[in-house]
């Protein structure tokens, strides 16, 4: 499912080959390690990290997260698990993500983990 979306993004020059490979590696890791059992839950997260990687490579600014949402994420019981999982996933990527982008990534991971409960 994500493969088709990535192909379209790549053909449209929104993402590059490196980003596509990164997202596919993350997809495989999450499924193989049984972090995620439902591929449908992965779609939004994988699309987000593809776009986040593309934004970082182009040095595009990231609009800061709303303070209320940021506070909810910072106090979420799954934040530590989210950060630990991102540490694993980021090994597949050469891009360094801004702190603003990381908060959005953590939010998506938290939502993903909660859907899998």
PDB file of N, CA and C in Angstrom:
ATOM      1  N   UNK A   1       0.822  -1.198   0.000  1.00  0.00           N
ATOM      2  CA  UNK A   1       0.000   0.000   0.000  1.00  0.00           C
ATOM      3  C   UNK A   1       0.864   1.260   0.000  1.00  0.00           C
ATOM      4  N   UNK A   2       1.842   1.338   0.906  1.00  0.00           N
ATOM      5  CA  UNK A   2       2.684   2.536   0.967  1.00  0.00           C
ATOM      6  C   UNK A   2       3.581   2.629  -0.264  1.00  0.00           C
ATOM      7  N   UNK A   3       3.935   1.491  -0.826  1.00  0.00           N
ATOM      8  CA  UNK A   3       4.806   1.485  -1.997  1.00  0.00           C
ATOM      9  C   UNK A   3       4.255   2.320  -3.141  1.00  0.00           C
ATOM     10  N   UNK A   4       2.965   2.227  -3.377  1.00  0.00           N
ATOM     11  CA  UNK A   4       2.316   2.983  -4.456  1.00  0.00           C
ATOM     12  C   UNK A   4       2.376   4.483  -4.175  1.00  0.00           C
ATOM     13  N   UNK A   5       2.098   4.875  -2.931  1.00  0.00           N
ATOM     14  CA  UNK A   5       2.151   6.297  -2.570  1.00  0.00           C
ATOM     15  C   UNK A   5       3.565   6.837  -2.734  1.00  0.00           C
ATOM     16  N   UNK A   6       4.540   6.064  -2.283  1.00  0.00           N
ATOM     17  CA  UNK A   6       5.932   6.507  -2.396  1.00  0.00           C
ATOM     18  C   UNK A   6       6.342   6.654  -3.854  1.00  0.00           C
ATOM     19  N   UNK A   7       5.881   5.730  -4.668  1.00  0.00           N
ATOM     20  CA  UNK A   7       6.191   5.785  -6.098  1.00  0.00           C
ATOM     21  C   UNK A   7       5.645   7.077  -6.715  1.00  0.00           C
ATOM     22  N   UNK A   8       4.424   7.424  -6.359  1.00  0.00           N
ATOM     23  CA  UNK A   8       3.812   8.664  -6.873  1.00  0.00           C
ATOM     24  C   UNK A   8       4.589   9.884  -6.384  1.00  0.00           C
ATOM     25  N   UNK A   9       4.949   9.897  -5.100  1.00  0.00           N
ATOM     26  CA  UNK A   9       5.716  11.023  -4.552  1.00  0.00           C
ATOM     27  C   UNK A   9       7.074  11.152  -5.231  1.00  0.00           C
ATOM     28  N   UNK A  10       7.696  10.015  -5.522  1.00  0.00           N
ATOM     29  CA  UNK A  10       9.006  10.039  -6.183  1.00  0.00           C
ATOM     30  C   UNK A  10       8.878  10.512  -7.629  1.00  0.00           C
ATOM     31  N   UNK A  11       7.892   9.999  -8.347  1.00  0.00           N
ATOM     32  CA  UNK A  11       7.680  10.408  -9.741  1.00  0.00           C
ATOM     33  C   UNK A  11       7.342  11.892  -9.848  1.00  0.00           C
ATOM     34  N   UNK A  12       6.741  12.441  -8.796  1.00  0.00           N
ATOM     35  CA  UNK A  12       6.382  13.866  -8.764  1.00  0.00           C
ATOM     36  C   UNK A  12       7.524  14.728  -8.229  1.00  0.00           C
ATOM     37  N   UNK A  13       8.665  14.101  -7.976  1.00  0.00           N
ATOM     38  CA  UNK A  13       9.843  14.791  -7.429  1.00  0.00           C
ATOM     39  C   UNK A  13       9.594  15.441  -6.069  1.00  0.00           C
ATOM     40  N   UNK A  14       8.700  14.847  -5.291  1.00  0.00           N
ATOM     41  CA  UNK A  14       8.450  15.318  -3.930  1.00  0.00           C
ATOM     42  C   UNK A  14       9.460  14.672  -2.989  1.00  0.00           C
ATOM     43  N   UNK A  15       9.754  13.390  -3.221  1.00  0.00           N
ATOM     44  CA  UNK A  15      10.777  12.678  -2.446  1.00  0.00           C
ATOM     45  C   UNK A  15      11.802  12.098  -3.413  1.00  0.00           C
ATOM     46  N   UNK A  16      12.952  11.713  -2.866  1.00  0.00           N
ATOM     47  CA  UNK A  16      13.980  11.091  -3.697  1.00  0.00           C
ATOM     48  C   UNK A  16      14.089   9.598  -3.370  1.00  0.00           C
ATOM     49  N   UNK A  17      14.976   8.921  -4.072  1.00  0.00           N
ATOM     50  CA  UNK A  17      15.177   7.478  -3.899  1.00  0.00           C
ATOM     51  C   UNK A  17      15.591   7.148  -2.470  1.00  0.00           C
ATOM     52  N   UNK A  18      16.457   7.957  -1.897  1.00  0.00           N
ATOM     53  CA  UNK A  18      16.933   7.725  -0.530  1.00  0.00           C
ATOM     54  C   UNK A  18      15.771   7.767   0.467  1.00  0.00           C
ATOM     55  N   UNK A  19      14.890   8.726   0.304  1.00  0.00           N
ATOM     56  CA  UNK A  19      13.720   8.834   1.185  1.00  0.00           C
ATOM     57  C   UNK A  19      12.809   7.628   1.011  1.00  0.00           C
ATOM     58  N   UNK A  20      12.595   7.228  -0.226  1.00  0.00           N
ATOM     59  CA  UNK A  20      11.755   6.058  -0.483  1.00  0.00           C
ATOM     60  C   UNK A  20      12.330   4.830   0.217  1.00  0.00           C
ATOM     61  N   UNK A  21      13.635   4.619   0.095  1.00  0.00           N
ATOM     62  CA  UNK A  21      14.269   3.459   0.723  1.00  0.00           C
ATOM     63  C   UNK A  21      14.189   3.525   2.247  1.00  0.00           C
ATOM     64  N   UNK A  22      14.347   4.724   2.802  1.00  0.00           N
ATOM     65  CA  UNK A  22      14.223   4.930   4.242  1.00  0.00           C
ATOM     66  C   UNK A  22      12.827   4.521   4.725  1.00  0.00           C
ATOM     67  N   UNK A  23      11.805   5.002   4.052  1.00  0.00           N
ATOM     68  CA  UNK A  23      10.431   4.716   4.469  1.00  0.00           C
ATOM     69  C   UNK A  23      10.118   3.228   4.320  1.00  0.00           C
ATOM     70  N   UNK A  24      10.578   2.611   3.260  1.00  0.00           N
ATOM     71  CA  UNK A  24      10.355   1.172   3.083  1.00  0.00           C
ATOM     72  C   UNK A  24      11.077   0.367   4.162  1.00  0.00           C
ATOM     73  N   UNK A  25      12.267   0.804   4.553  1.00  0.00           N
ATOM     74  CA  UNK A  25      13.006   0.131   5.627  1.00  0.00           C
ATOM     75  C   UNK A  25      12.255   0.256   6.954  1.00  0.00           C
ATOM     76  N   UNK A  26      11.707   1.434   7.223  1.00  0.00           N
ATOM     77  CA  UNK A  26      10.916   1.643   8.445  1.00  0.00           C
ATOM     78  C   UNK A  26       9.680   0.748   8.420  1.00  0.00           C
ATOM     79  N   UNK A  27       9.002   0.704   7.299  1.00  0.00           N
ATOM     80  CA  UNK A  27       7.827  -0.152   7.139  1.00  0.00           C
ATOM     81  C   UNK A  27       8.181  -1.606   7.447  1.00  0.00           C
ATOM     82  N   UNK A  28       9.249  -2.092   6.840  1.00  0.00           N
ATOM     83  CA  UNK A  28       9.664  -3.478   7.058  1.00  0.00           C
ATOM     84  C   UNK A  28      10.029  -3.735   8.512  1.00  0.00           C
ATOM     85  N   UNK A  29      10.764  -2.813   9.123  1.00  0.00           N
ATOM     86  CA  UNK A  29      11.167  -2.973  10.524  1.00  0.00           C
ATOM     87  C   UNK A  29       9.937  -3.090  11.427  1.00  0.00           C
ATOM     88  N   UNK A  30       9.005  -2.168  11.273  1.00  0.00           N
ATOM     89  CA  UNK A  30       7.826  -2.155  12.144  1.00  0.00           C
ATOM     90  C   UNK A  30       6.987  -3.419  11.994  1.00  0.00           C
ATOM     91  N   UNK A  31       6.899  -3.935  10.788  1.00  0.00           N
ATOM     92  CA  UNK A  31       6.128  -5.160  10.561  1.00  0.00           C
ATOM     93  C   UNK A  31       6.900  -6.400  11.008  1.00  0.00           C
ATOM     94  N   UNK A  32       8.188  -6.472  10.685  1.00  0.00           N
ATOM     95  CA  UNK A  32       8.991  -7.640  11.055  1.00  0.00           C
ATOM     96  C   UNK A  32       9.164  -7.761  12.566  1.00  0.00           C
ATOM     97  N   UNK A  33       9.327  -6.634  13.237  1.00  0.00           N
ATOM     98  CA  UNK A  33       9.496  -6.645  14.694  1.00  0.00           C
ATOM     99  C   UNK A  33       8.152  -6.731  15.420  1.00  0.00           C
ATOM    100  N   UNK A  34       7.087  -6.775  14.648  1.00  0.00           N
ATOM    101  CA  UNK A  34       5.724  -6.864  15.170  1.00  0.00           C
ATOM    102  C   UNK A  34       5.367  -5.701  16.095  1.00  0.00           C
ATOM    103  N   UNK A  35       5.978  -4.550  15.814  1.00  0.00           N
ATOM    104  CA  UNK A  35       5.607  -3.329  16.531  1.00  0.00           C
ATOM    105  C   UNK A  35       4.201  -2.945  16.088  1.00  0.00           C
ATOM    106  N   UNK A  36       3.944  -3.147  14.801  1.00  0.00           N
ATOM    107  CA  UNK A  36       2.650  -2.841  14.198  1.00  0.00           C
ATOM    108  C   UNK A  36       2.146  -4.098  13.500  1.00  0.00           C
ATOM    109  N   UNK A  37       0.903  -4.424  13.743  1.00  0.00           N
ATOM    110  CA  UNK A  37       0.316  -5.593  13.093  1.00  0.00           C
ATOM    111  C   UNK A  37      -0.604  -5.224  11.938  1.00  0.00           C
ATOM    112  N   UNK A  38      -1.112  -4.012  11.960  1.00  0.00           N
ATOM    113  CA  UNK A  38      -2.074  -3.586  10.949  1.00  0.00           C
ATOM    114  C   UNK A  38      -1.420  -2.562  10.025  1.00  0.00           C
ATOM    115  N   UNK A  39      -1.170  -2.961   8.787  1.00  0.00           N
ATOM    116  CA  UNK A  39      -0.506  -2.065   7.829  1.00  0.00           C
ATOM    117  C   UNK A  39      -1.280  -0.779   7.581  1.00  0.00           C
ATOM    118  N   UNK A  40      -2.589  -0.833   7.703  1.00  0.00           N
ATOM    119  CA  UNK A  40      -3.397   0.369   7.487  1.00  0.00           C
ATOM    120  C   UNK A  40      -3.042   1.458   8.498  1.00  0.00           C
ATOM    121  N   UNK A  41      -2.680   1.056   9.718  1.00  0.00           N
ATOM    122  CA  UNK A  41      -2.302   2.025  10.748  1.00  0.00           C
ATOM    123  C   UNK A  41      -0.997   2.736  10.396  1.00  0.00           C
ATOM    124  N   UNK A  42      -0.177   2.095   9.604  1.00  0.00           N
ATOM    125  CA  UNK A  42       1.136   2.639   9.253  1.00  0.00           C
ATOM    126  C   UNK A  42       1.092   3.754   8.223  1.00  0.00           C
ATOM    127  N   UNK A  43       0.094   3.759   7.404  1.00  0.00           N
ATOM    128  CA  UNK A  43       0.058   4.623   6.231  1.00  0.00           C
ATOM    129  C   UNK A  43       0.312   6.099   6.542  1.00  0.00           C
ATOM    130  N   UNK A  44      -0.417   6.660   7.490  1.00  0.00           N
ATOM    131  CA  UNK A  44      -0.261   8.079   7.800  1.00  0.00           C
ATOM    132  C   UNK A  44       1.141   8.367   8.344  1.00  0.00           C
ATOM    133  N   UNK A  45       1.627   7.507   9.222  1.00  0.00           N
ATOM    134  CA  UNK A  45       2.961   7.703   9.788  1.00  0.00           C
ATOM    135  C   UNK A  45       4.036   7.656   8.712  1.00  0.00           C
ATOM    136  N   UNK A  46       3.976   6.662   7.848  1.00  0.00           N
ATOM    137  CA  UNK A  46       4.993   6.518   6.808  1.00  0.00           C
ATOM    138  C   UNK A  46       4.959   7.686   5.826  1.00  0.00           C
ATOM    139  N   UNK A  47       3.764   8.131   5.489  1.00  0.00           N
ATOM    140  CA  UNK A  47       3.647   9.299   4.613  1.00  0.00           C
ATOM    141  C   UNK A  47       4.235  10.523   5.302  1.00  0.00           C
ATOM    142  N   UNK A  48       3.964  10.661   6.603  1.00  0.00           N
ATOM    143  CA  UNK A  48       4.508  11.814   7.331  1.00  0.00           C
ATOM    144  C   UNK A  48       6.035  11.797   7.346  1.00  0.00           C
ATOM    145  N   UNK A  49       6.643  10.649   7.632  1.00  0.00           N
ATOM    146  CA  UNK A  49       8.115  10.661   7.695  1.00  0.00           C
ATOM    147  C   UNK A  49       8.738  10.851   6.316  1.00  0.00           C
ATOM    148  N   UNK A  50       8.048  10.405   5.278  1.00  0.00           N
ATOM    149  CA  UNK A  50       8.549  10.666   3.920  1.00  0.00           C
ATOM    150  C   UNK A  50       8.567  12.167   3.655  1.00  0.00           C
ATOM    151  N   UNK A  51       7.473  12.834   3.990  1.00  0.00           N
ATOM    152  CA  UNK A  51       7.382  14.274   3.762  1.00  0.00           C
ATOM    153  C   UNK A  51       8.325  15.038   4.692  1.00  0.00           C
ATOM    154  N   UNK A  52       8.463  14.568   5.930  1.00  0.00           N
ATOM    155  CA  UNK A  52       9.370  15.216   6.885  1.00  0.00           C
ATOM    156  C   UNK A  52      10.809  15.124   6.391  1.00  0.00           C
ATOM    157  N   UNK A  53      11.191  13.957   5.892  1.00  0.00           N
ATOM    158  CA  UNK A  53      12.543  13.775   5.362  1.00  0.00           C
ATOM    159  C   UNK A  53      12.777  14.714   4.180  1.00  0.00           C
ATOM    160  N   UNK A  54      11.796  14.801   3.300  1.00  0.00           N
ATOM    161  CA  UNK A  54      11.911  15.695   2.136  1.00  0.00           C
ATOM    162  C   UNK A  54      12.026  17.153   2.580  1.00  0.00           C
ATOM    163  N   UNK A  55      11.225  17.559   3.572  1.00  0.00           N
ATOM    164  CA  UNK A  55      11.295  18.939   4.077  1.00  0.00           C
ATOM    165  C   UNK A  55      12.667  19.251   4.659  1.00  0.00           C
ATOM    166  N   UNK A  56      13.200  18.327   5.443  1.00  0.00           N
ATOM    167  CA  UNK A  56      14.497  18.559   6.071  1.00  0.00           C
ATOM    168  C   UNK A  56      15.605  18.672   5.021  1.00  0.00           C
ATOM    169  N   UNK A  57      15.545  17.827   3.999  1.00  0.00           N
ATOM    170  CA  UNK A  57      16.554  17.866   2.935  1.00  0.00           C
ATOM    171  C   UNK A  57      16.512  19.180   2.161  1.00  0.00           C
ATOM    172  N   UNK A  58      15.326  19.761   2.060  1.00  0.00           N
ATOM    173  CA  UNK A  58      15.164  21.022   1.322  1.00  0.00           C
ATOM    174  C   UNK A  58      15.274  22.236   2.243  1.00  0.00           C
ATOM    175  N   UNK A  59      15.576  21.987   3.519  1.00  0.00           N
ATOM    176  CA  UNK A  59      15.659  23.058   4.519  1.00  0.00           C
ATOM    177  C   UNK A  59      14.391  23.895   4.589  1.00  0.00           C
ATOM    178  N   UNK A  60      13.261  23.249   4.395  1.00  0.00           N
ATOM    179  CA  UNK A  60      11.983  23.949   4.502  1.00  0.00           C
ATOM    180  C   UNK A  60      11.629  24.108   5.975  1.00  0.00           C
ATOM    181  N   UNK A  61      11.141  25.278   6.357  1.00  0.00           N
ATOM    182  CA  UNK A  61      10.792  25.482   7.769  1.00  0.00           C
ATOM    183  C   UNK A  61       9.583  24.643   8.172  1.00  0.00           C
ATOM    184  N   UNK A  62       9.579  24.262   9.430  1.00  0.00           N
ATOM    185  CA  UNK A  62       8.463  23.506   9.984  1.00  0.00           C
ATOM    186  C   UNK A  62       7.706  24.445  10.912  1.00  0.00           C
ATOM    187  N   UNK A  63       6.428  24.560  10.694  1.00  0.00           N
ATOM    188  CA  UNK A  63       5.613  25.406  11.564  1.00  0.00           C
ATOM    189  C   UNK A  63       5.522  24.725  12.918  1.00  0.00           C
ATOM    190  N   UNK A  64       5.804  25.489  13.962  1.00  0.00           N
ATOM    191  CA  UNK A  64       5.775  24.931  15.311  1.00  0.00           C
ATOM    192  C   UNK A  64       4.414  24.360  15.673  1.00  0.00           C
ATOM    193  N   UNK A  65       4.455  23.389  16.538  1.00  0.00           N
ATOM    194  CA  UNK A  65       3.245  22.718  16.980  1.00  0.00           C
ATOM    195  C   UNK A  65       2.495  23.603  17.977  1.00  0.00           C
ATOM    196  N   UNK A  66       1.188  23.527  17.950  1.00  0.00           N
ATOM    197  CA  UNK A  66       0.351  24.230  18.909  1.00  0.00           C
ATOM    198  C   UNK A  66       0.779  23.845  20.332  1.00  0.00           C
ATOM    199  N   UNK A  67       0.871  24.831  21.213  1.00  0.00           N
ATOM    200  CA  UNK A  67       1.353  24.604  22.584  1.00  0.00           C
ATOM    201  C   UNK A  67       0.522  23.572  23.342  1.00  0.00           C
ATOM    202  N   UNK A  68      -0.783  23.581  23.150  1.00  0.00           N
ATOM    203  CA  UNK A  68      -1.648  22.625  23.841  1.00  0.00           C
ATOM    204  C   UNK A  68      -1.348  21.197  23.387  1.00  0.00           C
ATOM    205  N   UNK A  69      -1.194  21.016  22.090  1.00  0.00           N
ATOM    206  CA  UNK A  69      -0.880  19.687  21.552  1.00  0.00           C
ATOM    207  C   UNK A  69       0.504  19.256  22.013  1.00  0.00           C
ATOM    208  N   UNK A  70       1.466  20.169  21.972  1.00  0.00           N
ATOM    209  CA  UNK A  70       2.819  19.857  22.427  1.00  0.00           C
ATOM    210  C   UNK A  70       2.808  19.423  23.887  1.00  0.00           C
ATOM    211  N   UNK A  71       2.060  20.118  24.708  1.00  0.00           N
ATOM    212  CA  UNK A  71       1.955  19.775  26.124  1.00  0.00           C
ATOM    213  C   UNK A  71       1.368  18.376  26.307  1.00  0.00           C
ATOM    214  N   UNK A  72       0.353  18.049  25.521  1.00  0.00           N
ATOM    215  CA  UNK A  72      -0.248  16.715  25.598  1.00  0.00           C
ATOM    216  C   UNK A  72       0.766  15.639  25.231  1.00  0.00           C
ATOM    217  N   UNK A  73       1.556  15.884  24.209  1.00  0.00           N
ATOM    218  CA  UNK A  73       2.570  14.916  23.788  1.00  0.00           C
ATOM    219  C   UNK A  73       3.638  14.766  24.866  1.00  0.00           C
ATOM    220  N   UNK A  74       4.089  15.888  25.409  1.00  0.00           N
ATOM    221  CA  UNK A  74       5.128  15.860  26.435  1.00  0.00           C
ATOM    222  C   UNK A  74       4.684  15.114  27.690  1.00  0.00           C
ATOM    223  N   UNK A  75       3.385  15.077  27.932  1.00  0.00           N
ATOM    224  CA  UNK A  75       2.859  14.400  29.116  1.00  0.00           C
ATOM    225  C   UNK A  75       2.260  13.033  28.810  1.00  0.00           C
ATOM    226  N   UNK A  76       2.358  12.590  27.578  1.00  0.00           N
ATOM    227  CA  UNK A  76       1.762  11.314  27.187  1.00  0.00           C
ATOM    228  C   UNK A  76       2.574  10.153  27.750  1.00  0.00           C
ATOM    229  N   UNK A  77       1.877   9.142  28.233  1.00  0.00           N
ATOM    230  CA  UNK A  77       2.533   7.968  28.810  1.00  0.00           C
ATOM    231  C   UNK A  77       3.369   7.193  27.788  1.00  0.00           C
ATOM    232  N   UNK A  78       3.105   7.388  26.517  1.00  0.00           N
ATOM    233  CA  UNK A  78       3.831   6.664  25.465  1.00  0.00           C
ATOM    234  C   UNK A  78       4.997   7.463  24.880  1.00  0.00           C
ATOM    235  N   UNK A  79       5.287   8.643  25.430  1.00  0.00           N
ATOM    236  CA  UNK A  79       6.356   9.470  24.861  1.00  0.00           C
ATOM    237  C   UNK A  79       7.710   8.768  24.912  1.00  0.00           C
ATOM    238  N   UNK A  80       8.071   8.180  26.032  1.00  0.00           N
ATOM    239  CA  UNK A  80       9.375   7.510  26.145  1.00  0.00           C
ATOM    240  C   UNK A  80       9.473   6.363  25.141  1.00  0.00           C
ATOM    241  N   UNK A  81       8.403   5.598  25.012  1.00  0.00           N
ATOM    242  CA  UNK A  81       8.379   4.493  24.044  1.00  0.00           C
ATOM    243  C   UNK A  81       8.489   5.034  22.619  1.00  0.00           C
ATOM    244  N   UNK A  82       7.823   6.149  22.370  1.00  0.00           N
ATOM    245  CA  UNK A  82       7.871   6.791  21.059  1.00  0.00           C
ATOM    246  C   UNK A  82       9.295   7.227  20.719  1.00  0.00           C
ATOM    247  N   UNK A  83       9.958   7.869  21.673  1.00  0.00           N
ATOM    248  CA  UNK A  83      11.335   8.328  21.451  1.00  0.00           C
ATOM    249  C   UNK A  83      12.282   7.151  21.233  1.00  0.00           C
ATOM    250  N   UNK A  84      12.108   6.093  22.008  1.00  0.00           N
ATOM    251  CA  UNK A  84      12.965   4.910  21.864  1.00  0.00           C
ATOM    252  C   UNK A  84      12.764   4.262  20.494  1.00  0.00           C
ATOM    253  N   UNK A  85      11.523   4.174  20.064  1.00  0.00           N
ATOM    254  CA  UNK A  85      11.242   3.590  18.750  1.00  0.00           C
ATOM    255  C   UNK A  85      11.838   4.460  17.651  1.00  0.00           C
ATOM    256  N   UNK A  86      11.725   5.779  17.781  1.00  0.00           N
ATOM    257  CA  UNK A  86      12.307   6.659  16.771  1.00  0.00           C
ATOM    258  C   UNK A  86      13.824   6.492  16.717  1.00  0.00           C
ATOM    259  N   UNK A  87      14.463   6.265  17.858  1.00  0.00           N
ATOM    260  CA  UNK A  87      15.916   6.014  17.870  1.00  0.00           C
ATOM    261  C   UNK A  87      16.246   4.823  16.978  1.00  0.00           C
ATOM    262  N   UNK A  88      15.443   3.784  17.060  1.00  0.00           N
ATOM    263  CA  UNK A  88      15.646   2.600  16.219  1.00  0.00           C
ATOM    264  C   UNK A  88      15.396   2.927  14.745  1.00  0.00           C
ATOM    265  N   UNK A  89      14.299   3.587  14.471  1.00  0.00           N
ATOM    266  CA  UNK A  89      13.908   3.868  13.088  1.00  0.00           C
ATOM    267  C   UNK A  89      14.850   4.851  12.407  1.00  0.00           C
ATOM    268  N   UNK A  90      15.357   5.801  13.150  1.00  0.00           N
ATOM    269  CA  UNK A  90      16.211   6.836  12.552  1.00  0.00           C
ATOM    270  C   UNK A  90      17.558   6.279  12.092  1.00  0.00           C
ATOM    271  N   UNK A  91      17.889   5.072  12.504  1.00  0.00           N
ATOM    272  CA  UNK A  91      19.125   4.432  12.020  1.00  0.00           C
ATOM    273  C   UNK A  91      19.080   4.206  10.511  1.00  0.00           C
ATOM    274  N   UNK A  92      17.890   4.132   9.956  1.00  0.00           N
ATOM    275  CA  UNK A  92      17.725   3.887   8.525  1.00  0.00           C
ATOM    276  C   UNK A  92      17.804   5.161   7.693  1.00  0.00           C
ATOM    277  N   UNK A  93      18.037   6.284   8.338  1.00  0.00           N
ATOM    278  CA  UNK A  93      17.974   7.575   7.658  1.00  0.00           C
ATOM    279  C   UNK A  93      19.222   8.401   7.944  1.00  0.00           C
ATOM    280  N   UNK A  94      19.741   9.061   6.918  1.00  0.00           N
ATOM    281  CA  UNK A  94      20.915   9.922   7.084  1.00  0.00           C
ATOM    282  C   UNK A  94      20.528  11.344   7.476  1.00  0.00           C
ATOM    283  N   UNK A  95      19.259  11.663   7.378  1.00  0.00           N
ATOM    284  CA  UNK A  95      18.783  13.020   7.648  1.00  0.00           C
ATOM    285  C   UNK A  95      18.731  13.296   9.142  1.00  0.00           C
ATOM    286  N   UNK A  96      19.139  14.503   9.524  1.00  0.00           N
ATOM    287  CA  UNK A  96      18.973  14.959  10.902  1.00  0.00           C
ATOM    288  C   UNK A  96      17.712  15.808  10.942  1.00  0.00           C
ATOM    289  N   UNK A  97      16.800  15.453  11.822  1.00  0.00           N
ATOM    290  CA  UNK A  97      15.518  16.143  11.909  1.00  0.00           C
ATOM    291  C   UNK A  97      15.561  17.240  12.961  1.00  0.00           C
ATOM    292  N   UNK A  98      14.902  18.365  12.658  1.00  0.00           N
ATOM    293  CA  UNK A  98      14.810  19.472  13.614  1.00  0.00           C
ATOM    294  C   UNK A  98      13.945  19.048  14.799  1.00  0.00           C
ATOM    295  N   UNK A  99      14.105  19.747  15.914  1.00  0.00           N
ATOM    296  CA  UNK A  99      13.295  19.434  17.095  1.00  0.00           C
ATOM    297  C   UNK A  99      11.808  19.611  16.807  1.00  0.00           C
ATOM    298  N   UNK A 100      11.465  20.626  16.031  1.00  0.00           N
ATOM    299  CA  UNK A 100      10.058  20.847  15.683  1.00  0.00           C
ATOM    300  C   UNK A 100       9.497  19.652  14.918  1.00  0.00           C
ATOM    301  N   UNK A 101      10.282  19.158  13.970  1.00  0.00           N
ATOM    302  CA  UNK A 101       9.841  18.004  13.182  1.00  0.00           C
ATOM    303  C   UNK A 101       9.742  16.762  14.062  1.00  0.00           C
ATOM    304  N   UNK A 102      10.687  16.619  14.987  1.00  0.00           N
ATOM    305  CA  UNK A 102      10.670  15.450  15.870  1.00  0.00           C
ATOM    306  C   UNK A 102       9.397  15.382  16.706  1.00  0.00           C
ATOM    307  N   UNK A 103       8.903  16.530  17.182  1.00  0.00           N
ATOM    308  CA  UNK A 103       7.668  16.499  17.969  1.00  0.00           C
ATOM    309  C   UNK A 103       6.507  15.965  17.140  1.00  0.00           C
ATOM    310  N   UNK A 104       6.449  16.307  15.864  1.00  0.00           N
ATOM    311  CA  UNK A 104       5.394  15.771  14.994  1.00  0.00           C
ATOM    312  C   UNK A 104       5.588  14.263  14.791  1.00  0.00           C
ATOM    313  N   UNK A 105       6.832  13.847  14.648  1.00  0.00           N
ATOM    314  CA  UNK A 105       7.120  12.416  14.492  1.00  0.00           C
ATOM    315  C   UNK A 105       6.710  11.661  15.748  1.00  0.00           C
ATOM    316  N   UNK A 106       7.084  12.187  16.925  1.00  0.00           N
ATOM    317  CA  UNK A 106       6.691  11.537  18.182  1.00  0.00           C
ATOM    318  C   UNK A 106       5.172  11.438  18.293  1.00  0.00           C
ATOM    319  N   UNK A 107       4.471  12.493  17.896  1.00  0.00           N
ATOM    320  CA  UNK A 107       3.008  12.485  17.944  1.00  0.00           C
ATOM    321  C   UNK A 107       2.450  11.358  17.078  1.00  0.00           C
ATOM    322  N   UNK A 108       2.983  11.222  15.871  1.00  0.00           N
ATOM    323  CA  UNK A 108       2.502  10.163  14.978  1.00  0.00           C
ATOM    324  C   UNK A 108       2.824   8.780  15.538  1.00  0.00           C
ATOM    325  N   UNK A 109       3.998   8.614  16.131  1.00  0.00           N
ATOM    326  CA  UNK A 109       4.346   7.314  16.717  1.00  0.00           C
ATOM    327  C   UNK A 109       3.427   7.004  17.894  1.00  0.00           C
ATOM    328  N   UNK A 110       3.185   7.984  18.748  1.00  0.00           N
ATOM    329  CA  UNK A 110       2.274   7.778  19.881  1.00  0.00           C
ATOM    330  C   UNK A 110       0.905   7.333  19.370  1.00  0.00           C
ATOM    331  N   UNK A 111       0.379   8.016  18.369  1.00  0.00           N
ATOM    332  CA  UNK A 111      -0.925   7.645  17.808  1.00  0.00           C
ATOM    333  C   UNK A 111      -0.898   6.240  17.225  1.00  0.00           C
ATOM    334  N   UNK A 112       0.184   5.906  16.568  1.00  0.00           N
ATOM    335  CA  UNK A 112       0.350   4.577  15.985  1.00  0.00           C
ATOM    336  C   UNK A 112       0.345   3.507  17.073  1.00  0.00           C
ATOM    337  N   UNK A 113       1.102   3.740  18.135  1.00  0.00           N
ATOM    338  CA  UNK A 113       1.180   2.777  19.235  1.00  0.00           C
ATOM    339  C   UNK A 113      -0.172   2.609  19.926  1.00  0.00           C
ATOM    340  N   UNK A 114      -0.904   3.688  20.070  1.00  0.00           N
ATOM    341  CA  UNK A 114      -2.217   3.610  20.719  1.00  0.00           C
ATOM    342  C   UNK A 114      -3.223   2.845  19.865  1.00  0.00           C
ATOM    343  N   UNK A 115      -3.120   2.963  18.544  1.00  0.00           N
ATOM    344  CA  UNK A 115      -4.018   2.221  17.656  1.00  0.00           C
ATOM    345  C   UNK A 115      -3.762   0.723  17.749  1.00  0.00           C
ATOM    346  N   UNK A 116      -2.543   0.356  18.083  1.00  0.00           N
ATOM    347  CA  UNK A 116      -2.164  -1.055  18.117  1.00  0.00           C
ATOM    348  C   UNK A 116      -2.484  -1.721  19.456  1.00  0.00           C
ATOM    349  N   UNK A 117      -2.953  -0.964  20.428  1.00  0.00           N
ATOM    350  CA  UNK A 117      -3.253  -1.549  21.747  1.00  0.00           C
ATOM    351  C   UNK A 117      -4.424  -2.482  21.674  1.00  0.00           C
TER     352      UNK A 117
END
